[in-house]
Amino acid sequence: MSARRRFRRRGFSLPDDCLFCRLFKEGDHLREDEGFVAIKDINPRADVHLLVIPERHVASFREIGEFEPNEAKRMLEFVADTAREIGLDDYRVVVNVGEGGGQTIFHLHWHVLGGRTKGLP
């Protein structure tokens, strides 16, 4: 079953040209829940490097207010549950904000890094 059928839109549109919107709909998901997915980073900066991507398209963490409080809470729980389910006890969670902060894809996402790191994403 494709992610497109599993997840219903909640009154917002996903840009067709956004890589992370496409990965949300069609990517190889390690874990998923309503509104959120986790995938492996294609350019890992640690032994374990996952990306948590929300379905809702907002450009960066600056726009976190666009999430309803319960939705933001569920997103943070999804990040923590993903790390726990893949067996990470100690790990780093990183959010790059804006070009100057290292953000290269302008769709809010969380990096989950475990094990030896090779620099920050």
C-alpha atoms as a PDB file:
ATOM      1  CA  MET A   1       0.000   0.000   0.000  1.00  0.00           C
ATOM      2  CA  SER A   2       1.455   3.350  -0.934  1.00  0.00           C
ATOM      3  CA  ALA A   3       1.919   6.202   1.503  1.00  0.00           C
ATOM      4  CA  ARG A   4      -0.445   8.209  -0.652  1.00  0.00           C
ATOM      5  CA  ARG A   5      -3.318   5.914   0.357  1.00  0.00           C
ATOM      6  CA  ARG A   6      -2.250   5.521   3.985  1.00  0.00           C
ATOM      7  CA  PHE A   7      -2.171   9.213   4.808  1.00  0.00           C
ATOM      8  CA  ARG A   8      -5.076  11.557   4.247  1.00  0.00           C
ATOM      9  CA  ARG A   9      -4.556  15.209   3.529  1.00  0.00           C
ATOM     10  CA  ARG A  10      -5.751  17.513   6.270  1.00  0.00           C
ATOM     11  CA  GLY A  11      -6.754  20.581   4.294  1.00  0.00           C
ATOM     12  CA  PHE A  12      -3.328  21.629   3.038  1.00  0.00           C
ATOM     13  CA  SER A  13      -1.511  21.077  -0.214  1.00  0.00           C
ATOM     14  CA  LEU A  14       1.904  19.570  -0.813  1.00  0.00           C
ATOM     15  CA  PRO A  15       4.134  21.233  -3.414  1.00  0.00           C
ATOM     16  CA  ASP A  16       4.876  18.940  -6.346  1.00  0.00           C
ATOM     17  CA  ASP A  17       8.460  20.193  -6.582  1.00  0.00           C
ATOM     18  CA  CYS A  18       9.438  19.546  -2.936  1.00  0.00           C
ATOM     19  CA  LEU A  19      11.764  16.553  -2.541  1.00  0.00           C
ATOM     20  CA  PHE A  20      10.598  15.841   1.012  1.00  0.00           C
ATOM     21  CA  CYS A  21       6.915  16.055   0.038  1.00  0.00           C
ATOM     22  CA  ARG A  22       7.650  13.404  -2.616  1.00  0.00           C
ATOM     23  CA  LEU A  23       9.626  11.278  -0.137  1.00  0.00           C
ATOM     24  CA  PHE A  24       6.752  11.498   2.329  1.00  0.00           C
ATOM     25  CA  LYS A  25       4.352  10.181  -0.323  1.00  0.00           C
ATOM     26  CA  GLU A  26       6.619   7.703  -2.109  1.00  0.00           C
ATOM     27  CA  GLY A  27       9.834   7.171  -0.141  1.00  0.00           C
ATOM     28  CA  ASP A  28      11.256   4.032   1.458  1.00  0.00           C
ATOM     29  CA  HIS A  29       9.925   4.573   4.973  1.00  0.00           C
ATOM     30  CA  LEU A  30      11.591   2.912   7.960  1.00  0.00           C
ATOM     31  CA  ARG A  31       8.754   4.019  10.197  1.00  0.00           C
ATOM     32  CA  GLU A  32       5.504   5.869   9.673  1.00  0.00           C
ATOM     33  CA  ASP A  33       2.551   7.167  11.587  1.00  0.00           C
ATOM     34  CA  GLU A  34      -0.280   9.433  10.588  1.00  0.00           C
ATOM     35  CA  GLY A  35       1.375  12.621   9.366  1.00  0.00           C
ATOM     36  CA  PHE A  36       5.046  11.621   9.860  1.00  0.00           C
ATOM     37  CA  VAL A  37       7.642   9.307   8.319  1.00  0.00           C
ATOM     38  CA  ALA A  38      11.246   8.362   9.036  1.00  0.00           C
ATOM     39  CA  ILE A  39      13.716   7.559   6.260  1.00  0.00           C
ATOM     40  CA  LYS A  40      17.462   6.949   6.012  1.00  0.00           C
ATOM     41  CA  ASP A  41      19.483   9.998   5.023  1.00  0.00           C
ATOM     42  CA  ILE A  42      21.176   9.428   1.644  1.00  0.00           C
ATOM     43  CA  ASN A  43      24.240  11.377   2.819  1.00  0.00           C
ATOM     44  CA  PRO A  44      24.706  10.014   6.358  1.00  0.00           C
ATOM     45  CA  ARG A  45      26.731  12.067   8.826  1.00  0.00           C
ATOM     46  CA  ALA A  46      26.687   9.341  11.513  1.00  0.00           C
ATOM     47  CA  ASP A  47      26.559   5.559  11.884  1.00  0.00           C
ATOM     48  CA  VAL A  48      22.772   5.975  12.092  1.00  0.00           C
ATOM     49  CA  HIS A  49      21.301   8.995  10.330  1.00  0.00           C
ATOM     50  CA  LEU A  50      17.559   9.228   9.864  1.00  0.00           C
ATOM     51  CA  LEU A  51      15.313  12.032   8.734  1.00  0.00           C
ATOM     52  CA  VAL A  52      11.894  12.549  10.271  1.00  0.00           C
ATOM     53  CA  ILE A  53       9.629  14.338   7.818  1.00  0.00           C
ATOM     54  CA  PRO A  54       6.162  15.676   8.590  1.00  0.00           C
ATOM     55  CA  GLU A  55       3.497  15.506   5.909  1.00  0.00           C
ATOM     56  CA  ARG A  56       2.612  19.160   6.471  1.00  0.00           C
ATOM     57  CA  HIS A  57       4.842  21.298   4.278  1.00  0.00           C
ATOM     58  CA  VAL A  58       6.345  24.208   6.188  1.00  0.00           C
ATOM     59  CA  ALA A  59       9.647  25.649   5.053  1.00  0.00           C
ATOM     60  CA  SER A  60      11.539  25.499   8.341  1.00  0.00           C
ATOM     61  CA  PHE A  61      11.370  25.353  12.118  1.00  0.00           C
ATOM     62  CA  ARG A  62      10.565  29.087  12.036  1.00  0.00           C
ATOM     63  CA  GLU A  63       7.040  28.118  10.962  1.00  0.00           C
ATOM     64  CA  ILE A  64       6.491  25.537  13.741  1.00  0.00           C
ATOM     65  CA  GLY A  65       3.460  27.603  14.811  1.00  0.00           C
ATOM     66  CA  GLU A  66       1.599  26.336  11.736  1.00  0.00           C
ATOM     67  CA  PHE A  67       1.279  22.983  13.525  1.00  0.00           C
ATOM     68  CA  GLU A  68      -1.561  22.578  15.996  1.00  0.00           C
ATOM     69  CA  PRO A  69      -0.149  22.009  19.522  1.00  0.00           C
ATOM     70  CA  ASN A  70      -1.211  18.345  19.520  1.00  0.00           C
ATOM     71  CA  GLU A  71       0.314  17.810  16.078  1.00  0.00           C
ATOM     72  CA  ALA A  72       3.642  19.365  17.181  1.00  0.00           C
ATOM     73  CA  LYS A  73       3.618  17.161  20.297  1.00  0.00           C
ATOM     74  CA  ARG A  74       2.951  14.051  18.191  1.00  0.00           C
ATOM     75  CA  MET A  75       5.838  15.029  15.891  1.00  0.00           C
ATOM     76  CA  LEU A  76       8.286  15.248  18.803  1.00  0.00           C
ATOM     77  CA  GLU A  77       6.985  11.951  20.196  1.00  0.00           C
ATOM     78  CA  PHE A  78       7.469  10.394  16.745  1.00  0.00           C
ATOM     79  CA  VAL A  79      11.117  11.558  16.726  1.00  0.00           C
ATOM     80  CA  ALA A  80      11.731  10.029  20.194  1.00  0.00           C
ATOM     81  CA  ASP A  81       9.786   6.819  19.436  1.00  0.00           C
ATOM     82  CA  THR A  82      11.687   6.354  16.163  1.00  0.00           C
ATOM     83  CA  ALA A  83      15.059   6.574  17.937  1.00  0.00           C
ATOM     84  CA  ARG A  84      13.891   4.118  20.603  1.00  0.00           C
ATOM     85  CA  GLU A  85      12.425   1.647  18.096  1.00  0.00           C
ATOM     86  CA  ILE A  86      15.650   1.470  16.077  1.00  0.00           C
ATOM     87  CA  GLY A  87      17.602   0.796  19.266  1.00  0.00           C
ATOM     88  CA  LEU A  88      19.241   4.141  19.970  1.00  0.00           C
ATOM     89  CA  ASP A  89      19.764   4.949  23.657  1.00  0.00           C
ATOM     90  CA  ASP A  90      22.024   7.938  23.091  1.00  0.00           C
ATOM     91  CA  TYR A  91      21.563  10.114  20.042  1.00  0.00           C
ATOM     92  CA  ARG A  92      21.441  13.651  18.730  1.00  0.00           C
ATOM     93  CA  VAL A  93      18.427  15.418  17.202  1.00  0.00           C
ATOM     94  CA  VAL A  94      19.243  18.316  14.881  1.00  0.00           C
ATOM     95  CA  VAL A  95      17.058  20.832  13.067  1.00  0.00           C
ATOM     96  CA  ASN A  96      18.829  23.145  10.646  1.00  0.00           C
ATOM     97  CA  VAL A  97      17.026  26.469  10.196  1.00  0.00           C
ATOM     98  CA  GLY A  98      17.695  28.580   7.122  1.00  0.00           C
ATOM     99  CA  GLU A  99      20.621  28.554   4.716  1.00  0.00           C
ATOM    100  CA  GLY A 100      22.976  30.049   7.300  1.00  0.00           C
ATOM    101  CA  GLY A 101      21.986  27.245   9.696  1.00  0.00           C
ATOM    102  CA  GLY A 102      22.819  24.543   7.150  1.00  0.00           C
ATOM    103  CA  GLN A 103      19.307  23.867   5.830  1.00  0.00           C
ATOM    104  CA  THR A 104      19.381  22.702   2.204  1.00  0.00           C
ATOM    105  CA  ILE A 105      15.843  21.323   1.769  1.00  0.00           C
ATOM    106  CA  PHE A 106      13.172  23.829   2.750  1.00  0.00           C
ATOM    107  CA  HIS A 107      10.656  21.430   4.261  1.00  0.00           C
ATOM    108  CA  LEU A 108      10.867  21.132   8.057  1.00  0.00           C
ATOM    109  CA  HIS A 109      12.656  17.911   9.034  1.00  0.00           C
ATOM    110  CA  TRP A 110      14.558  16.461  11.966  1.00  0.00           C
ATOM    111  CA  HIS A 111      17.909  14.658  11.771  1.00  0.00           C
ATOM    112  CA  VAL A 112      18.275  11.745  14.204  1.00  0.00           C
ATOM    113  CA  LEU A 113      21.962  10.815  14.572  1.00  0.00           C
ATOM    114  CA  GLY A 114      23.318   7.869  16.522  1.00  0.00           C
ATOM    115  CA  GLY A 115      26.741   6.300  16.956  1.00  0.00           C
ATOM    116  CA  ARG A 116      29.889   7.945  15.636  1.00  0.00           C
ATOM    117  CA  THR A 117      29.224  11.259  13.927  1.00  0.00           C
ATOM    118  CA  LYS A 118      31.093  12.681  10.955  1.00  0.00           C
ATOM    119  CA  GLY A 119      30.091  16.293  11.596  1.00  0.00           C
ATOM    120  CA  LEU A 120      26.690  17.855  11.741  1.00  0.00           C
ATOM    121  CA  PRO A 121      24.262  17.623   8.847  1.00  0.00           C
END
